[in-house]
Amino acid sequence: MNKLLAVSVLIALLALSAESFRLARQAEEEEGTLTKISGAVKSYYDSAVDTVSGYVDSIKGLKLEEKAKNLYSETSTVVSTYAGIVQDQLYHFFHH
């Protein structure tokens, strides 16, 4: 019985060490893939930032920034007003 126990423990240890070796090797392969993916994402991000920076520079030349701020403040005022009206209507609809 002791021999059976010893053989079982050795087989279990061998299986665990083989499994850990497989996981380490897969992690190395995934690291290469993750590096490629992160490099691609970084290049897309950099190109997007460059494009947006170009757009912002061209907009500053047209003085549209002040117009955009005014449009935003007017729009937010109108939306908040109508949102309040809808909220009141829903409140009265469900509570009366």
PDB file of N, CA and C in Angstrom:
ATOM      1  N   MET A   1       0.809  -1.181   0.000  1.00  0.00           N
ATOM      2  CA  MET A   1       0.000   0.000   0.000  1.00  0.00           C
ATOM      3  C   MET A   1       0.861   1.257   0.000  1.00  0.00           C
ATOM      4  N   ASN A   2       1.966   1.228   0.707  1.00  0.00           N
ATOM      5  CA  ASN A   2       2.861   2.381   0.734  1.00  0.00           C
ATOM      6  C   ASN A   2       3.456   2.642  -0.646  1.00  0.00           C
ATOM      7  N   LYS A   3       3.743   1.553  -1.373  1.00  0.00           N
ATOM      8  CA  LYS A   3       4.287   1.723  -2.727  1.00  0.00           C
ATOM      9  C   LYS A   3       3.248   2.371  -3.633  1.00  0.00           C
ATOM     10  N   LEU A   4       2.004   1.972  -3.487  1.00  0.00           N
ATOM     11  CA  LEU A   4       0.928   2.556  -4.281  1.00  0.00           C
ATOM     12  C   LEU A   4       0.766   4.042  -3.973  1.00  0.00           C
ATOM     13  N   LEU A   5       0.853   4.381  -2.697  1.00  0.00           N
ATOM     14  CA  LEU A   5       0.766   5.781  -2.295  1.00  0.00           C
ATOM     15  C   LEU A   5       1.943   6.578  -2.841  1.00  0.00           C
ATOM     16  N   ALA A   6       3.131   6.035  -2.770  1.00  0.00           N
ATOM     17  CA  ALA A   6       4.324   6.720  -3.262  1.00  0.00           C
ATOM     18  C   ALA A   6       4.248   6.920  -4.774  1.00  0.00           C
ATOM     19  N   VAL A   7       3.811   5.903  -5.497  1.00  0.00           N
ATOM     20  CA  VAL A   7       3.680   6.008  -6.949  1.00  0.00           C
ATOM     21  C   VAL A   7       2.618   7.034  -7.306  1.00  0.00           C
ATOM     22  N   SER A   8       1.510   7.041  -6.573  1.00  0.00           N
ATOM     23  CA  SER A   8       0.442   8.016  -6.835  1.00  0.00           C
ATOM     24  C   SER A   8       0.935   9.446  -6.607  1.00  0.00           C
ATOM     25  N   VAL A   9       1.688   9.659  -5.534  1.00  0.00           N
ATOM     26  CA  VAL A   9       2.223  10.988  -5.249  1.00  0.00           C
ATOM     27  C   VAL A   9       3.208  11.399  -6.328  1.00  0.00           C
ATOM     28  N   LEU A  10       4.065  10.518  -6.763  1.00  0.00           N
ATOM     29  CA  LEU A  10       5.029  10.841  -7.814  1.00  0.00           C
ATOM     30  C   LEU A  10       4.329  11.175  -9.133  1.00  0.00           C
ATOM     31  N   ILE A  11       3.304  10.425  -9.482  1.00  0.00           N
ATOM     32  CA  ILE A  11       2.552  10.691 -10.715  1.00  0.00           C
ATOM     33  C   ILE A  11       1.840  12.035 -10.610  1.00  0.00           C
ATOM     34  N   ALA A  12       1.274  12.330  -9.446  1.00  0.00           N
ATOM     35  CA  ALA A  12       0.601  13.614  -9.257  1.00  0.00           C
ATOM     36  C   ALA A  12       1.596  14.764  -9.380  1.00  0.00           C
ATOM     37  N   LEU A  13       2.766  14.633  -8.775  1.00  0.00           N
ATOM     38  CA  LEU A  13       3.788  15.671  -8.873  1.00  0.00           C
ATOM     39  C   LEU A  13       4.268  15.839 -10.314  1.00  0.00           C
ATOM     40  N   LEU A  14       4.431  14.739 -11.015  1.00  0.00           N
ATOM     41  CA  LEU A  14       4.845  14.810 -12.417  1.00  0.00           C
ATOM     42  C   LEU A  14       3.788  15.506 -13.256  1.00  0.00           C
ATOM     43  N   ALA A  15       2.539  15.198 -13.018  1.00  0.00           N
ATOM     44  CA  ALA A  15       1.452  15.831 -13.771  1.00  0.00           C
ATOM     45  C   ALA A  15       1.383  17.319 -13.465  1.00  0.00           C
ATOM     46  N   LEU A  16       1.541  17.698 -12.209  1.00  0.00           N
ATOM     47  CA  LEU A  16       1.504  19.116 -11.845  1.00  0.00           C
ATOM     48  C   LEU A  16       2.672  19.881 -12.443  1.00  0.00           C
ATOM     49  N   SER A  17       3.856  19.283 -12.441  1.00  0.00           N
ATOM     50  CA  SER A  17       5.013  19.978 -13.007  1.00  0.00           C
ATOM     51  C   SER A  17       4.881  20.092 -14.524  1.00  0.00           C
ATOM     52  N   ALA A  18       4.319  19.073 -15.158  1.00  0.00           N
ATOM     53  CA  ALA A  18       4.103  19.153 -16.604  1.00  0.00           C
ATOM     54  C   ALA A  18       3.074  20.221 -16.936  1.00  0.00           C
ATOM     55  N   GLU A  19       2.025  20.327 -16.122  1.00  0.00           N
ATOM     56  CA  GLU A  19       0.993  21.349 -16.350  1.00  0.00           C
ATOM     57  C   GLU A  19       1.567  22.738 -16.150  1.00  0.00           C
ATOM     58  N   SER A  20       2.386  22.931 -15.135  1.00  0.00           N
ATOM     59  CA  SER A  20       2.968  24.257 -14.899  1.00  0.00           C
ATOM     60  C   SER A  20       3.936  24.616 -16.013  1.00  0.00           C
ATOM     61  N   PHE A  21       4.648  23.648 -16.578  1.00  0.00           N
ATOM     62  CA  PHE A  21       5.541  23.925 -17.693  1.00  0.00           C
ATOM     63  C   PHE A  21       4.738  24.372 -18.909  1.00  0.00           C
ATOM     64  N   ARG A  22       3.608  23.743 -19.147  1.00  0.00           N
ATOM     65  CA  ARG A  22       2.773  24.112 -20.291  1.00  0.00           C
ATOM     66  C   ARG A  22       2.242  25.528 -20.126  1.00  0.00           C
ATOM     67  N   LEU A  23       1.799  25.905 -18.934  1.00  0.00           N
ATOM     68  CA  LEU A  23       1.278  27.246 -18.699  1.00  0.00           C
ATOM     69  C   LEU A  23       2.351  28.307 -18.882  1.00  0.00           C
ATOM     70  N   ALA A  24       3.566  28.031 -18.452  1.00  0.00           N
ATOM     71  CA  ALA A  24       4.642  29.006 -18.620  1.00  0.00           C
ATOM     72  C   ALA A  24       4.933  29.228 -20.097  1.00  0.00           C
ATOM     73  N   ARG A  25       4.937  28.172 -20.865  1.00  0.00           N
ATOM     74  CA  ARG A  25       5.210  28.300 -22.287  1.00  0.00           C
ATOM     75  C   ARG A  25       4.096  29.065 -22.979  1.00  0.00           C
ATOM     76  N   GLN A  26       2.835  28.830 -22.613  1.00  0.00           N
ATOM     77  CA  GLN A  26       1.723  29.563 -23.201  1.00  0.00           C
ATOM     78  C   GLN A  26       1.798  31.036 -22.827  1.00  0.00           C
ATOM     79  N   ALA A  27       2.227  31.338 -21.618  1.00  0.00           N
ATOM     80  CA  ALA A  27       2.330  32.731 -21.189  1.00  0.00           C
ATOM     81  C   ALA A  27       3.370  33.464 -22.028  1.00  0.00           C
ATOM     82  N   GLU A  28       4.468  32.791 -22.366  1.00  0.00           N
ATOM     83  CA  GLU A  28       5.481  33.429 -23.209  1.00  0.00           C
ATOM     84  C   GLU A  28       4.927  33.729 -24.595  1.00  0.00           C
ATOM     85  N   GLU A  29       4.153  32.812 -25.153  1.00  0.00           N
ATOM     86  CA  GLU A  29       3.564  33.036 -26.472  1.00  0.00           C
ATOM     87  C   GLU A  29       2.554  34.167 -26.429  1.00  0.00           C
ATOM     88  N   GLU A  30       1.738  34.205 -25.376  1.00  0.00           N
ATOM     89  CA  GLU A  30       0.739  35.261 -25.269  1.00  0.00           C
ATOM     90  C   GLU A  30       1.394  36.616 -25.066  1.00  0.00           C
ATOM     91  N   GLU A  31       2.537  36.659 -24.398  1.00  0.00           N
ATOM     92  CA  GLU A  31       3.217  37.929 -24.188  1.00  0.00           C
ATOM     93  C   GLU A  31       3.616  38.535 -25.519  1.00  0.00           C
ATOM     94  N   GLY A  32       4.058  37.727 -26.453  1.00  0.00           N
ATOM     95  CA  GLY A  32       4.387  38.235 -27.775  1.00  0.00           C
ATOM     96  C   GLY A  32       3.151  38.767 -28.483  1.00  0.00           C
ATOM     97  N   THR A  33       2.051  38.058 -28.367  1.00  0.00           N
ATOM     98  CA  THR A  33       0.808  38.502 -28.983  1.00  0.00           C
ATOM     99  C   THR A  33       0.304  39.779 -28.325  1.00  0.00           C
ATOM    100  N   LEU A  34       0.361  39.827 -26.992  1.00  0.00           N
ATOM    101  CA  LEU A  34      -0.079  41.021 -26.287  1.00  0.00           C
ATOM    102  C   LEU A  34       0.789  42.219 -26.634  1.00  0.00           C
ATOM    103  N   THR A  35       2.060  41.996 -26.828  1.00  0.00           N
ATOM    104  CA  THR A  35       2.948  43.085 -27.209  1.00  0.00           C
ATOM    105  C   THR A  35       2.580  43.612 -28.587  1.00  0.00           C
ATOM    106  N   LYS A  36       2.267  42.716 -29.503  1.00  0.00           N
ATOM    107  CA  LYS A  36       1.859  43.141 -30.845  1.00  0.00           C
ATOM    108  C   LYS A  36       0.553  43.919 -30.796  1.00  0.00           C
ATOM    109  N   ILE A  37      -0.405  43.422 -30.023  1.00  0.00           N
ATOM    110  CA  ILE A  37      -1.708  44.087 -29.932  1.00  0.00           C
ATOM    111  C   ILE A  37      -1.560  45.456 -29.291  1.00  0.00           C
ATOM    112  N   SER A  38      -0.783  45.539 -28.209  1.00  0.00           N
ATOM    113  CA  SER A  38      -0.622  46.833 -27.547  1.00  0.00           C
ATOM    114  C   SER A  38       0.127  47.805 -28.442  1.00  0.00           C
ATOM    115  N   GLY A  39       1.067  47.327 -29.233  1.00  0.00           N
ATOM    116  CA  GLY A  39       1.757  48.202 -30.179  1.00  0.00           C
ATOM    117  C   GLY A  39       0.802  48.740 -31.240  1.00  0.00           C
ATOM    118  N   ALA A  40      -0.084  47.882 -31.727  1.00  0.00           N
ATOM    119  CA  ALA A  40      -1.055  48.320 -32.733  1.00  0.00           C
ATOM    120  C   ALA A  40      -2.027  49.331 -32.142  1.00  0.00           C
ATOM    121  N   VAL A  41      -2.500  49.070 -30.926  1.00  0.00           N
ATOM    122  CA  VAL A  41      -3.426  50.000 -30.277  1.00  0.00           C
ATOM    123  C   VAL A  41      -2.748  51.337 -30.039  1.00  0.00           C
ATOM    124  N   LYS A  42      -1.499  51.308 -29.618  1.00  0.00           N
ATOM    125  CA  LYS A  42      -0.767  52.550 -29.372  1.00  0.00           C
ATOM    126  C   LYS A  42      -0.586  53.340 -30.661  1.00  0.00           C
ATOM    127  N   SER A  43      -0.295  52.664 -31.763  1.00  0.00           N
ATOM    128  CA  SER A  43      -0.131  53.383 -33.029  1.00  0.00           C
ATOM    129  C   SER A  43      -1.452  53.985 -33.500  1.00  0.00           C
ATOM    130  N   TYR A  44      -2.570  53.251 -33.325  1.00  0.00           N
ATOM    131  CA  TYR A  44      -3.885  53.808 -33.677  1.00  0.00           C
ATOM    132  C   TYR A  44      -4.210  55.016 -32.810  1.00  0.00           C
ATOM    133  N   TYR A  45      -3.902  54.912 -31.513  1.00  0.00           N
ATOM    134  CA  TYR A  45      -4.155  56.017 -30.596  1.00  0.00           C
ATOM    135  C   TYR A  45      -3.324  57.242 -30.978  1.00  0.00           C
ATOM    136  N   ASP A  46      -2.043  57.028 -31.285  1.00  0.00           N
ATOM    137  CA  ASP A  46      -1.186  58.144 -31.667  1.00  0.00           C
ATOM    138  C   ASP A  46      -1.673  58.820 -32.937  1.00  0.00           C
ATOM    139  N   SER A  47      -2.105  58.031 -33.915  1.00  0.00           N
ATOM    140  CA  SER A  47      -2.599  58.634 -35.155  1.00  0.00           C
ATOM    141  C   SER A  47      -3.903  59.376 -34.923  1.00  0.00           C
ATOM    142  N   ALA A  48      -4.760  58.857 -34.040  1.00  0.00           N
ATOM    143  CA  ALA A  48      -6.006  59.554 -33.723  1.00  0.00           C
ATOM    144  C   ALA A  48      -5.728  60.869 -33.012  1.00  0.00           C
ATOM    145  N   VAL A  49      -4.773  60.874 -32.081  1.00  0.00           N
ATOM    146  CA  VAL A  49      -4.418  62.096 -31.369  1.00  0.00           C
ATOM    147  C   VAL A  49      -3.835  63.122 -32.343  1.00  0.00           C
ATOM    148  N   ASP A  50      -3.007  62.682 -33.252  1.00  0.00           N
ATOM    149  CA  ASP A  50      -2.442  63.600 -34.239  1.00  0.00           C
ATOM    150  C   ASP A  50      -3.528  64.193 -35.128  1.00  0.00           C
ATOM    151  N   THR A  51      -4.475  63.382 -35.542  1.00  0.00           N
ATOM    152  CA  THR A  51      -5.567  63.866 -36.387  1.00  0.00           C
ATOM    153  C   THR A  51      -6.421  64.883 -35.655  1.00  0.00           C
ATOM    154  N   VAL A  52      -6.766  64.567 -34.412  1.00  0.00           N
ATOM    155  CA  VAL A  52      -7.582  65.489 -33.623  1.00  0.00           C
ATOM    156  C   VAL A  52      -6.826  66.781 -33.356  1.00  0.00           C
ATOM    157  N   SER A  53      -5.550  66.689 -33.097  1.00  0.00           N
ATOM    158  CA  SER A  53      -4.752  67.898 -32.876  1.00  0.00           C
ATOM    159  C   SER A  53      -4.750  68.779 -34.118  1.00  0.00           C
ATOM    160  N   GLY A  54      -4.673  68.167 -35.280  1.00  0.00           N
ATOM    161  CA  GLY A  54      -4.754  68.933 -36.524  1.00  0.00           C
ATOM    162  C   GLY A  54      -6.092  69.617 -36.682  1.00  0.00           C
ATOM    163  N   TYR A  55      -7.169  68.905 -36.349  1.00  0.00           N
ATOM    164  CA  TYR A  55      -8.499  69.508 -36.420  1.00  0.00           C
ATOM    165  C   TYR A  55      -8.642  70.668 -35.442  1.00  0.00           C
ATOM    166  N   VAL A  56      -8.127  70.501 -34.232  1.00  0.00           N
ATOM    167  CA  VAL A  56      -8.217  71.558 -33.228  1.00  0.00           C
ATOM    168  C   VAL A  56      -7.450  72.786 -33.676  1.00  0.00           C
ATOM    169  N   ASP A  57      -6.276  72.594 -34.251  1.00  0.00           N
ATOM    170  CA  ASP A  57      -5.500  73.730 -34.748  1.00  0.00           C
ATOM    171  C   ASP A  57      -6.229  74.465 -35.861  1.00  0.00           C
ATOM    172  N   SER A  58      -6.880  73.734 -36.758  1.00  0.00           N
ATOM    173  CA  SER A  58      -7.616  74.390 -37.842  1.00  0.00           C
ATOM    174  C   SER A  58      -8.864  75.099 -37.322  1.00  0.00           C
ATOM    175  N   ILE A  59      -9.498  74.545 -36.284  1.00  0.00           N
ATOM    176  CA  ILE A  59     -10.685  75.178 -35.699  1.00  0.00           C
ATOM    177  C   ILE A  59     -10.303  76.461 -34.969  1.00  0.00           C
ATOM    178  N   LYS A  60      -9.170  76.471 -34.282  1.00  0.00           N
ATOM    179  CA  LYS A  60      -8.735  77.672 -33.577  1.00  0.00           C
ATOM    180  C   LYS A  60      -8.524  78.825 -34.551  1.00  0.00           C
ATOM    181  N   GLY A  61      -8.079  78.513 -35.753  1.00  0.00           N
ATOM    182  CA  GLY A  61      -7.893  79.547 -36.756  1.00  0.00           C
ATOM    183  C   GLY A  61      -9.217  80.141 -37.224  1.00  0.00           C
ATOM    184  N   LEU A  62     -10.310  79.394 -37.147  1.00  0.00           N
ATOM    185  CA  LEU A  62     -11.609  79.880 -37.606  1.00  0.00           C
ATOM    186  C   LEU A  62     -12.427  80.521 -36.487  1.00  0.00           C
ATOM    187  N   LYS A  63     -11.895  80.558 -35.267  1.00  0.00           N
ATOM    188  CA  LYS A  63     -12.577  81.116 -34.088  1.00  0.00           C
ATOM    189  C   LYS A  63     -13.931  80.447 -33.854  1.00  0.00           C
ATOM    190  N   LEU A  64     -13.980  79.170 -34.091  1.00  0.00           N
ATOM    191  CA  LEU A  64     -15.204  78.417 -33.860  1.00  0.00           C
ATOM    192  C   LEU A  64     -15.329  77.965 -32.409  1.00  0.00           C
ATOM    193  N   GLU A  65     -14.251  78.102 -31.661  1.00  0.00           N
ATOM    194  CA  GLU A  65     -14.271  77.643 -30.273  1.00  0.00           C
ATOM    195  C   GLU A  65     -15.296  78.417 -29.452  1.00  0.00           C
ATOM    196  N   GLU A  66     -15.341  79.738 -29.626  1.00  0.00           N
ATOM    197  CA  GLU A  66     -16.321  80.549 -28.889  1.00  0.00           C
ATOM    198  C   GLU A  66     -17.738  80.220 -29.327  1.00  0.00           C
ATOM    199  N   LYS A  67     -17.932  80.017 -30.621  1.00  0.00           N
ATOM    200  CA  LYS A  67     -19.255  79.647 -31.118  1.00  0.00           C
ATOM    201  C   LYS A  67     -19.686  78.294 -30.567  1.00  0.00           C
ATOM    202  N   ALA A  68     -18.749  77.364 -30.489  1.00  0.00           N
ATOM    203  CA  ALA A  68     -19.065  76.038 -29.964  1.00  0.00           C
ATOM    204  C   ALA A  68     -19.436  76.115 -28.484  1.00  0.00           C
ATOM    205  N   LYS A  69     -18.726  76.955 -27.719  1.00  0.00           N
ATOM    206  CA  LYS A  69     -19.057  77.116 -26.302  1.00  0.00           C
ATOM    207  C   LYS A  69     -20.449  77.708 -26.140  1.00  0.00           C
ATOM    208  N   ASN A  70     -20.773  78.719 -26.949  1.00  0.00           N
ATOM    209  CA  ASN A  70     -22.108  79.319 -26.880  1.00  0.00           C
ATOM    210  C   ASN A  70     -23.186  78.314 -27.250  1.00  0.00           C
ATOM    211  N   LEU A  71     -22.929  77.554 -28.311  1.00  0.00           N
ATOM    212  CA  LEU A  71     -23.899  76.544 -28.738  1.00  0.00           C
ATOM    213  C   LEU A  71     -24.106  75.499 -27.656  1.00  0.00           C
ATOM    214  N   TYR A  72     -23.031  75.089 -27.005  1.00  0.00           N
ATOM    215  CA  TYR A  72     -23.136  74.094 -25.934  1.00  0.00           C
ATOM    216  C   TYR A  72     -23.951  74.641 -24.768  1.00  0.00           C
ATOM    217  N   SER A  73     -23.666  75.874 -24.349  1.00  0.00           N
ATOM    218  CA  SER A  73     -24.390  76.415 -23.192  1.00  0.00           C
ATOM    219  C   SER A  73     -25.873  76.597 -23.517  1.00  0.00           C
ATOM    220  N   GLU A  74     -26.196  77.056 -24.717  1.00  0.00           N
ATOM    221  CA  GLU A  74     -27.605  77.222 -25.099  1.00  0.00           C
ATOM    222  C   GLU A  74     -28.310  75.876 -25.190  1.00  0.00           C
ATOM    223  N   THR A  75     -27.634  74.903 -25.772  1.00  0.00           N
ATOM    224  CA  THR A  75     -28.226  73.572 -25.920  1.00  0.00           C
ATOM    225  C   THR A  75     -28.450  72.922 -24.558  1.00  0.00           C
ATOM    226  N   SER A  76     -27.472  73.040 -23.669  1.00  0.00           N
ATOM    227  CA  SER A  76     -27.628  72.431 -22.345  1.00  0.00           C
ATOM    228  C   SER A  76     -28.763  73.096 -21.570  1.00  0.00           C
ATOM    229  N   THR A  77     -28.952  74.403 -21.764  1.00  0.00           N
ATOM    230  CA  THR A  77     -30.062  75.087 -21.096  1.00  0.00           C
ATOM    231  C   THR A  77     -31.400  74.573 -21.609  1.00  0.00           C
ATOM    232  N   VAL A  78     -31.516  74.448 -22.915  1.00  0.00           N
ATOM    233  CA  VAL A  78     -32.766  73.968 -23.512  1.00  0.00           C
ATOM    234  C   VAL A  78     -33.046  72.531 -23.107  1.00  0.00           C
ATOM    235  N   VAL A  79     -32.030  71.689 -23.149  1.00  0.00           N
ATOM    236  CA  VAL A  79     -32.222  70.275 -22.806  1.00  0.00           C
ATOM    237  C   VAL A  79     -32.613  70.133 -21.336  1.00  0.00           C
ATOM    238  N   SER A  80     -31.983  70.903 -20.460  1.00  0.00           N
ATOM    239  CA  SER A  80     -32.339  70.790 -19.043  1.00  0.00           C
ATOM    240  C   SER A  80     -33.767  71.274 -18.799  1.00  0.00           C
ATOM    241  N   THR A  81     -34.190  72.298 -19.522  1.00  0.00           N
ATOM    242  CA  THR A  81     -35.568  72.779 -19.384  1.00  0.00           C
ATOM    243  C   THR A  81     -36.560  71.700 -19.799  1.00  0.00           C
ATOM    244  N   TYR A  82     -36.355  71.123 -20.989  1.00  0.00           N
ATOM    245  CA  TYR A  82     -37.281  70.095 -21.469  1.00  0.00           C
ATOM    246  C   TYR A  82     -37.199  68.826 -20.630  1.00  0.00           C
ATOM    247  N   ALA A  83     -36.011  68.504 -20.102  1.00  0.00           N
ATOM    248  CA  ALA A  83     -35.899  67.339 -19.226  1.00  0.00           C
ATOM    249  C   ALA A  83     -36.703  67.553 -17.954  1.00  0.00           C
ATOM    250  N   GLY A  84     -36.705  68.774 -17.434  1.00  0.00           N
ATOM    251  CA  GLY A  84     -37.519  69.084 -16.262  1.00  0.00           C
ATOM    252  C   GLY A  84     -38.999  68.959 -16.556  1.00  0.00           C
ATOM    253  N   ILE A  85     -39.402  69.408 -17.732  1.00  0.00           N
ATOM    254  CA  ILE A  85     -40.811  69.304 -18.121  1.00  0.00           C
ATOM    255  C   ILE A  85     -41.230  67.837 -18.233  1.00  0.00           C
ATOM    256  N   VAL A  86     -40.415  67.031 -18.881  1.00  0.00           N
ATOM    257  CA  VAL A  86     -40.725  65.605 -19.037  1.00  0.00           C
ATOM    258  C   VAL A  86     -40.760  64.918 -17.674  1.00  0.00           C
ATOM    259  N   GLN A  87     -39.830  65.286 -16.801  1.00  0.00           N
ATOM    260  CA  GLN A  87     -39.809  64.699 -15.471  1.00  0.00           C
ATOM    261  C   GLN A  87     -41.093  65.040 -14.712  1.00  0.00           C
ATOM    262  N   ASP A  88     -41.530  66.285 -14.788  1.00  0.00           N
ATOM    263  CA  ASP A  88     -42.782  66.670 -14.128  1.00  0.00           C
ATOM    264  C   ASP A  88     -43.974  65.915 -14.701  1.00  0.00           C
ATOM    265  N   GLN A  89     -44.025  65.787 -16.021  1.00  0.00           N
ATOM    266  CA  GLN A  89     -45.126  65.075 -16.655  1.00  0.00           C
ATOM    267  C   GLN A  89     -45.162  63.613 -16.218  1.00  0.00           C
ATOM    268  N   LEU A  90     -43.995  62.969 -16.183  1.00  0.00           N
ATOM    269  CA  LEU A  90     -43.941  61.572 -15.758  1.00  0.00           C
ATOM    270  C   LEU A  90     -44.315  61.422 -14.288  1.00  0.00           C
ATOM    271  N   TYR A  91     -43.890  62.357 -13.480  1.00  0.00           N
ATOM    272  CA  TYR A  91     -44.229  62.296 -12.063  1.00  0.00           C
ATOM    273  C   TYR A  91     -45.743  62.366 -11.881  1.00  0.00           C
ATOM    274  N   HIS A  92     -46.381  63.326 -12.543  1.00  0.00           N
ATOM    275  CA  HIS A  92     -47.815  63.475 -12.409  1.00  0.00           C
ATOM    276  C   HIS A  92     -48.578  62.328 -13.055  1.00  0.00           C
ATOM    277  N   PHE A  93     -48.014  61.749 -14.102  1.00  0.00           N
ATOM    278  CA  PHE A  93     -48.671  60.625 -14.771  1.00  0.00           C
ATOM    279  C   PHE A  93     -48.709  59.398 -13.851  1.00  0.00           C
ATOM    280  N   PHE A  94     -47.587  59.122 -13.166  1.00  0.00           N
ATOM    281  CA  PHE A  94     -47.512  57.924 -12.348  1.00  0.00           C
ATOM    282  C   PHE A  94     -48.045  58.107 -10.932  1.00  0.00           C
ATOM    283  N   HIS A  95     -48.109  59.337 -10.424  1.00  0.00           N
ATOM    284  CA  HIS A  95     -48.528  59.536  -9.050  1.00  0.00           C
ATOM    285  C   HIS A  95     -49.949  60.052  -8.912  1.00  0.00           C
ATOM    286  N   HIS A  96     -50.657  60.243 -10.001  1.00  0.00           N
ATOM    287  CA  HIS A  96     -52.059  60.705  -9.889  1.00  0.00           C
ATOM    288  C   HIS A  96     -52.988  59.778 -10.611  1.00  0.00           C
TER     289      HIS A  96
END
